[in-house]
Protein backbone atom coordinates (compact mmCIF):
# COMPACT_ATOMS: atom_id res chain seq x y z
CA UNK A 1 42.20 -47.67 93.75
CA UNK A 2 45.36 -49.94 94.39
CA UNK A 3 45.02 -53.46 95.00
CA UNK A 4 46.08 -53.12 98.66
CA UNK A 5 43.14 -50.95 99.40
CA UNK A 6 40.75 -53.92 100.24
CA UNK A 7 43.41 -55.10 102.81
CA UNK A 8 42.92 -51.66 104.83
CA UNK A 9 39.56 -53.09 106.10
CA UNK A 10 41.17 -56.27 107.79
CA UNK A 11 43.94 -54.01 108.96
CA UNK A 12 41.62 -51.73 110.59
CA UNK A 13 39.76 -54.70 112.08
CA UNK A 14 42.97 -56.01 113.56
CA UNK A 15 43.67 -52.44 115.05
CA UNK A 16 40.11 -52.44 116.45
CA UNK A 17 40.50 -55.79 117.91
CA UNK A 18 43.58 -54.81 119.56
CA UNK A 19 42.14 -51.65 120.85
CA UNK A 20 39.25 -53.54 122.57
CA UNK A 21 41.34 -56.28 123.87
CA UNK A 22 39.17 -58.80 121.87
CA UNK A 23 40.51 -62.23 122.31
CA UNK A 24 39.31 -65.91 121.83
CA UNK A 25 38.54 -66.65 125.64
CA UNK A 26 35.30 -67.88 126.70
CA UNK A 27 33.34 -71.12 126.94
CA UNK A 28 30.85 -70.29 124.08
CA UNK A 29 27.78 -71.17 126.22
CA UNK A 30 25.45 -68.33 125.13
CA UNK A 31 22.26 -70.25 125.18
CA UNK A 32 20.19 -67.53 123.40
CA UNK A 33 16.85 -68.68 122.85
CA UNK A 34 15.09 -65.81 121.17
CA UNK A 35 16.97 -64.81 118.08
CA UNK A 36 15.19 -62.49 115.72
CA UNK A 37 15.15 -62.71 111.96
CA UNK A 38 18.49 -61.55 110.51
CA UNK A 39 18.40 -57.75 110.03
CA UNK A 40 19.13 -56.43 106.59
CA UNK A 41 19.83 -52.81 105.40
CA UNK A 42 22.53 -50.14 105.32
CA UNK A 43 25.01 -49.58 107.80
CA UNK A 44 23.14 -46.91 109.38
CA UNK A 45 20.08 -48.96 109.57
CA UNK A 46 21.80 -51.87 111.28
CA UNK A 47 23.47 -49.35 113.64
CA UNK A 48 20.08 -47.89 114.63
CA UNK A 49 18.87 -51.55 115.28
CA UNK A 50 21.78 -52.11 117.41
CA UNK A 51 21.44 -48.88 119.17
CA UNK A 52 24.73 -47.64 118.13
CA UNK A 53 25.94 -44.29 116.61
CA UNK A 54 28.53 -45.37 114.14
CA UNK A 55 32.06 -43.90 114.18
CA UNK A 56 32.83 -44.39 110.37
CA UNK A 57 36.20 -45.86 109.72
CA UNK A 58 35.91 -46.93 105.96
CA UNK A 59 33.36 -45.72 103.53
CA UNK A 60 34.08 -47.20 100.10
CA UNK A 61 32.12 -48.74 97.30
CA UNK A 62 32.69 -52.30 98.43
CA UNK A 63 32.77 -51.96 102.29
CA UNK A 64 31.61 -49.58 104.80
CA UNK A 65 32.93 -49.97 108.35
CA UNK A 66 32.35 -48.25 111.62
CA UNK A 67 33.23 -48.61 115.34
CA UNK A 68 30.29 -48.87 117.63
CA UNK A 69 29.93 -48.95 121.51
CA UNK A 70 32.18 -47.82 124.21
CA UNK A 71 34.79 -49.36 126.40
CA UNK A 72 34.35 -53.18 126.71
CA UNK A 73 31.34 -52.89 124.59
CA UNK A 74 33.11 -51.86 121.47
CA UNK A 75 32.78 -53.62 118.19
CA UNK A 76 33.14 -53.14 114.43
CA UNK A 77 30.10 -53.00 112.27
CA UNK A 78 30.66 -53.55 108.52
CA UNK A 79 28.52 -53.87 105.41
CA UNK A 80 29.47 -55.03 101.97
CA UNK A 81 28.37 -54.51 98.46
CA UNK A 82 28.45 -58.38 97.51
CA UNK A 83 28.31 -61.63 99.38
CA UNK A 84 31.55 -62.91 97.91
CA UNK A 85 33.33 -59.70 99.10
CA UNK A 86 31.92 -60.36 102.65
CA UNK A 87 33.04 -64.09 102.76
CA UNK A 88 36.47 -62.94 101.63
CA UNK A 89 36.74 -60.26 104.23
CA UNK A 90 35.54 -62.71 107.00
CA UNK A 91 37.82 -65.36 105.99
CA UNK A 92 40.79 -62.87 106.05
CA UNK A 93 39.73 -61.21 109.41
CA UNK A 94 39.19 -64.64 111.18
CA UNK A 95 42.94 -65.00 111.25
CA UNK A 96 43.01 -62.26 114.00
CA UNK A 97 40.64 -64.33 116.05
CA UNK A 98 37.43 -62.69 117.69
CA UNK A 99 33.89 -63.26 117.36
CA UNK A 100 31.58 -62.60 114.25
CA UNK A 101 28.04 -62.09 114.03
CA UNK A 102 27.30 -62.58 110.31
CA UNK A 103 24.13 -61.53 108.32
CA UNK A 104 23.53 -61.09 104.67
CA UNK A 105 26.16 -58.61 103.45
CA UNK A 106 26.92 -57.45 107.04
CA UNK A 107 29.06 -58.44 110.11
CA UNK A 108 29.65 -57.39 113.53
CA UNK A 109 32.96 -58.27 115.45
CA UNK A 110 33.81 -58.08 118.95
CA UNK A 111 34.03 -59.81 122.36
CA UNK A 112 31.97 -62.92 122.54
CA UNK A 113 29.54 -61.39 124.98
CA UNK A 114 29.14 -58.25 122.94
CA UNK A 115 28.45 -60.30 119.77
CA UNK A 116 26.09 -62.41 121.64
CA UNK A 117 23.96 -59.60 122.84
CA UNK A 118 23.98 -58.02 119.35
CA UNK A 119 22.43 -61.33 118.12
CA UNK A 120 19.55 -60.72 120.27
CA UNK A 121 18.92 -57.46 118.34
CA UNK A 122 20.20 -58.09 114.81
CA UNK A 123 19.85 -62.06 114.45
CA UNK A 124 22.44 -63.55 112.37
CA UNK A 125 24.91 -66.44 112.59
CA UNK A 126 27.81 -66.62 115.19
CA UNK A 127 31.11 -67.45 113.93
CA UNK A 128 34.52 -67.69 115.68
CA UNK A 129 38.02 -66.61 114.48
CA UNK A 130 41.20 -68.64 114.80
CA UNK A 131 42.05 -69.27 118.40
CA UNK A 132 45.81 -68.29 118.98
CA UNK A 133 47.72 -70.05 121.61
CA UNK A 134 50.31 -68.70 123.96
CA UNK A 135 53.15 -68.80 121.52
CA UNK A 136 54.02 -72.50 121.25
CA UNK A 137 53.71 -73.46 124.79
CA UNK A 138 50.71 -75.27 126.35
CA UNK A 139 48.40 -73.36 128.66
CA UNK A 140 45.87 -70.71 128.35
CA UNK A 141 44.97 -68.75 125.07
CA UNK A 142 45.07 -65.10 124.79
C-alpha cells in the first residue's frame, strides 16, 4: 500500500516491452476497415475475446495486468478500475514507446502489427508511445 505500488505496472510494462522487443518502427499504414464496437468487461472476458490465455502479472484493486501471446505475438493486456487511473497509466507508459490499443478501462500494448490485429477483435483506439531516437544522432529509430 505504498505510493510506489502504482508504479509497478509501468515498470512491468517496460520489462514486457523489452522482452518482446517492442519498438516504435513501422509506417503506421494499417488501413483496417472493419473495426468492431469496442469490447468491454473483465480482463478474463477481454482475453477470451482476444483468444488469449492470460498470464497474470498484476492483480490489484486498481489495475489487473496480464501477458498474452507467444514469441513476437506477445502483448500486455491491462484493465483498470477507473478511467482516470487508466489515462494516468497510459500517459506514464507511453514514455517507454510501443503501440497501445485503448478501450474503456482497458489497454493492450505490443508491436504495431499485433495491436492492429487485436483491434480487429476488440475494437478500440490506436495510440502510439514516444518514439525514441538512436541516442542523439540522426538516423533510424529503435
